Amino acid sequence: MSEELARLQRENAYLKSRVAQLEDDVTDLNAEATRLRQVLDTTLARRAAARPNPLSGGQ
């Protein structure tokens, strides 16, 4: 029984470590997604500001 207990404790420790790694990965990916959204918003805003409005009648 103690061998089984030791195996389960090792597996539990490994799984806890893996969960912590995956949580870090999710945090990093969320930060990167936020940064990319900001870049996209900035790019789209610049493009919209630079494009003349054909309905404005100005030259």
N, C-alpha and C. Protein backbone atom coordinates (compact mmCIF):
# COMPACT_ATOMS: atom_id res chain seq x y z
N MET A 1 0.82 -1.20 0.00
CA MET A 1 0.00 0.00 0.00
C MET A 1 0.86 1.26 0.00
N SER A 2 2.00 1.25 0.67
CA SER A 2 2.82 2.46 0.73
C SER A 2 3.44 2.80 -0.63
N GLU A 3 3.70 1.77 -1.46
CA GLU A 3 4.22 2.04 -2.80
C GLU A 3 3.15 2.77 -3.62
N GLU A 4 1.93 2.32 -3.49
CA GLU A 4 0.82 2.97 -4.20
C GLU A 4 0.64 4.40 -3.71
N LEU A 5 0.74 4.61 -2.41
CA LEU A 5 0.62 5.94 -1.84
C LEU A 5 1.75 6.85 -2.34
N ALA A 6 2.95 6.33 -2.37
CA ALA A 6 4.09 7.12 -2.86
C ALA A 6 3.91 7.48 -4.33
N ARG A 7 3.41 6.53 -5.12
CA ARG A 7 3.18 6.79 -6.54
C ARG A 7 2.12 7.88 -6.71
N LEU A 8 1.06 7.78 -5.94
CA LEU A 8 0.00 8.79 -6.03
C LEU A 8 0.50 10.16 -5.57
N GLN A 9 1.34 10.20 -4.57
CA GLN A 9 1.88 11.48 -4.12
C GLN A 9 2.79 12.10 -5.18
N ARG A 10 3.60 11.27 -5.83
CA ARG A 10 4.45 11.78 -6.93
C ARG A 10 3.60 12.31 -8.08
N GLU A 11 2.58 11.54 -8.43
CA GLU A 11 1.70 11.96 -9.51
C GLU A 11 0.97 13.26 -9.15
N ASN A 12 0.54 13.36 -7.91
CA ASN A 12 -0.14 14.57 -7.46
C ASN A 12 0.80 15.78 -7.52
N ALA A 13 2.03 15.59 -7.08
CA ALA A 13 3.02 16.68 -7.12
C ALA A 13 3.29 17.10 -8.57
N TYR A 14 3.42 16.11 -9.46
CA TYR A 14 3.63 16.42 -10.87
C TYR A 14 2.45 17.19 -11.44
N LEU A 15 1.24 16.74 -11.15
CA LEU A 15 0.05 17.40 -11.70
C LEU A 15 -0.09 18.83 -11.16
N LYS A 16 0.23 19.03 -9.89
CA LYS A 16 0.18 20.39 -9.33
C LYS A 16 1.19 21.30 -10.04
N SER A 17 2.37 20.76 -10.29
CA SER A 17 3.39 21.54 -11.00
C SER A 17 2.94 21.86 -12.42
N ARG A 18 2.36 20.88 -13.07
CA ARG A 18 1.88 21.08 -14.46
C ARG A 18 0.76 22.10 -14.51
N VAL A 19 -0.16 22.06 -13.56
CA VAL A 19 -1.25 23.03 -13.50
C VAL A 19 -0.68 24.44 -13.33
N ALA A 20 0.32 24.59 -12.47
CA ALA A 20 0.94 25.91 -12.25
C ALA A 20 1.58 26.41 -13.55
N GLN A 21 2.25 25.53 -14.28
CA GLN A 21 2.86 25.92 -15.56
C GLN A 21 1.79 26.35 -16.56
N LEU A 22 0.72 25.59 -16.63
CA LEU A 22 -0.35 25.91 -17.58
C LEU A 22 -1.05 27.22 -17.21
N GLU A 23 -1.21 27.47 -15.92
CA GLU A 23 -1.81 28.74 -15.49
C GLU A 23 -0.92 29.91 -15.89
N ASP A 24 0.39 29.75 -15.75
CA ASP A 24 1.33 30.79 -16.19
C ASP A 24 1.21 31.01 -17.70
N ASP A 25 1.10 29.92 -18.45
CA ASP A 25 0.95 30.03 -19.90
C ASP A 25 -0.32 30.79 -20.27
N VAL A 26 -1.41 30.50 -19.59
CA VAL A 26 -2.68 31.18 -19.87
C VAL A 26 -2.54 32.67 -19.56
N THR A 27 -1.90 33.00 -18.45
CA THR A 27 -1.69 34.41 -18.10
C THR A 27 -0.87 35.11 -19.17
N ASP A 28 0.21 34.46 -19.62
CA ASP A 28 1.05 35.05 -20.66
C ASP A 28 0.27 35.23 -21.97
N LEU A 29 -0.53 34.24 -22.33
CA LEU A 29 -1.31 34.33 -23.57
C LEU A 29 -2.37 35.42 -23.49
N ASN A 30 -2.99 35.57 -22.32
CA ASN A 30 -3.97 36.65 -22.16
C ASN A 30 -3.31 38.01 -22.30
N ALA A 31 -2.13 38.16 -21.73
CA ALA A 31 -1.40 39.43 -21.84
C ALA A 31 -1.04 39.70 -23.30
N GLU A 32 -0.60 38.69 -24.00
CA GLU A 32 -0.25 38.86 -25.41
C GLU A 32 -1.49 39.18 -26.26
N ALA A 33 -2.59 38.54 -25.98
CA ALA A 33 -3.83 38.82 -26.71
C ALA A 33 -4.27 40.26 -26.47
N THR A 34 -4.16 40.73 -25.24
CA THR A 34 -4.51 42.12 -24.93
C THR A 34 -3.60 43.08 -25.69
N ARG A 35 -2.31 42.79 -25.70
CA ARG A 35 -1.36 43.64 -26.41
C ARG A 35 -1.68 43.67 -27.91
N LEU A 36 -1.98 42.53 -28.48
CA LEU A 36 -2.30 42.48 -29.91
C LEU A 36 -3.59 43.22 -30.23
N ARG A 37 -4.58 43.14 -29.32
CA ARG A 37 -5.82 43.90 -29.53
C ARG A 37 -5.52 45.40 -29.53
N GLN A 38 -4.65 45.84 -28.64
CA GLN A 38 -4.30 47.25 -28.58
C GLN A 38 -3.58 47.69 -29.85
N VAL A 39 -2.69 46.86 -30.35
CA VAL A 39 -1.99 47.17 -31.60
C VAL A 39 -2.98 47.25 -32.74
N LEU A 40 -3.90 46.31 -32.80
CA LEU A 40 -4.90 46.31 -33.86
C LEU A 40 -5.79 47.55 -33.77
N ASP A 41 -6.24 47.89 -32.57
CA ASP A 41 -7.07 49.08 -32.40
C ASP A 41 -6.34 50.34 -32.84
N THR A 42 -5.06 50.44 -32.47
CA THR A 42 -4.26 51.60 -32.86
C THR A 42 -4.09 51.65 -34.38
N THR A 43 -3.82 50.52 -34.97
CA THR A 43 -3.63 50.46 -36.43
C THR A 43 -4.92 50.84 -37.15
N LEU A 44 -6.04 50.32 -36.70
CA LEU A 44 -7.31 50.64 -37.35
C LEU A 44 -7.67 52.10 -37.16
N ALA A 45 -7.37 52.66 -36.00
CA ALA A 45 -7.66 54.08 -35.76
C ALA A 45 -6.80 54.97 -36.67
N ARG A 46 -5.54 54.62 -36.83
CA ARG A 46 -4.66 55.40 -37.73
C ARG A 46 -5.14 55.31 -39.17
N ARG A 47 -5.54 54.11 -39.57
CA ARG A 47 -6.00 53.92 -40.94
C ARG A 47 -7.27 54.73 -41.20
N ALA A 48 -8.18 54.72 -40.23
CA ALA A 48 -9.43 55.47 -40.38
C ALA A 48 -9.17 56.96 -40.40
N ALA A 49 -8.23 57.44 -39.61
CA ALA A 49 -7.91 58.87 -39.57
C ALA A 49 -7.20 59.33 -40.84
N ALA A 50 -6.42 58.46 -41.44
CA ALA A 50 -5.65 58.82 -42.62
C ALA A 50 -6.49 58.77 -43.90
N ARG A 51 -7.59 58.05 -43.88
CA ARG A 51 -8.42 57.88 -45.07
C ARG A 51 -9.34 59.10 -45.22
N PRO A 52 -9.27 59.77 -46.35
CA PRO A 52 -10.17 60.90 -46.55
C PRO A 52 -11.63 60.42 -46.73
N ASN A 53 -12.54 61.24 -46.29
CA ASN A 53 -13.94 60.90 -46.43
C ASN A 53 -14.42 61.39 -47.80
N PRO A 54 -14.83 60.46 -48.67
CA PRO A 54 -15.24 60.86 -50.03
C PRO A 54 -16.52 61.68 -50.02
N LEU A 55 -17.25 61.70 -48.95
CA LEU A 55 -18.50 62.43 -48.88
C LEU A 55 -18.30 63.84 -48.32
N SER A 56 -17.07 64.17 -47.89
CA SER A 56 -16.86 65.46 -47.26
C SER A 56 -16.85 66.61 -48.28
N GLY A 57 -16.54 66.33 -49.52
CA GLY A 57 -16.56 67.34 -50.58
C GLY A 57 -15.29 68.18 -50.61
N GLY A 58 -14.41 68.00 -49.68
CA GLY A 58 -13.14 68.76 -49.69
C GLY A 58 -12.11 68.12 -50.58
N GLN A 59 -11.05 68.90 -50.83
CA GLN A 59 -9.99 68.34 -51.68
C GLN A 59 -8.76 68.11 -50.93
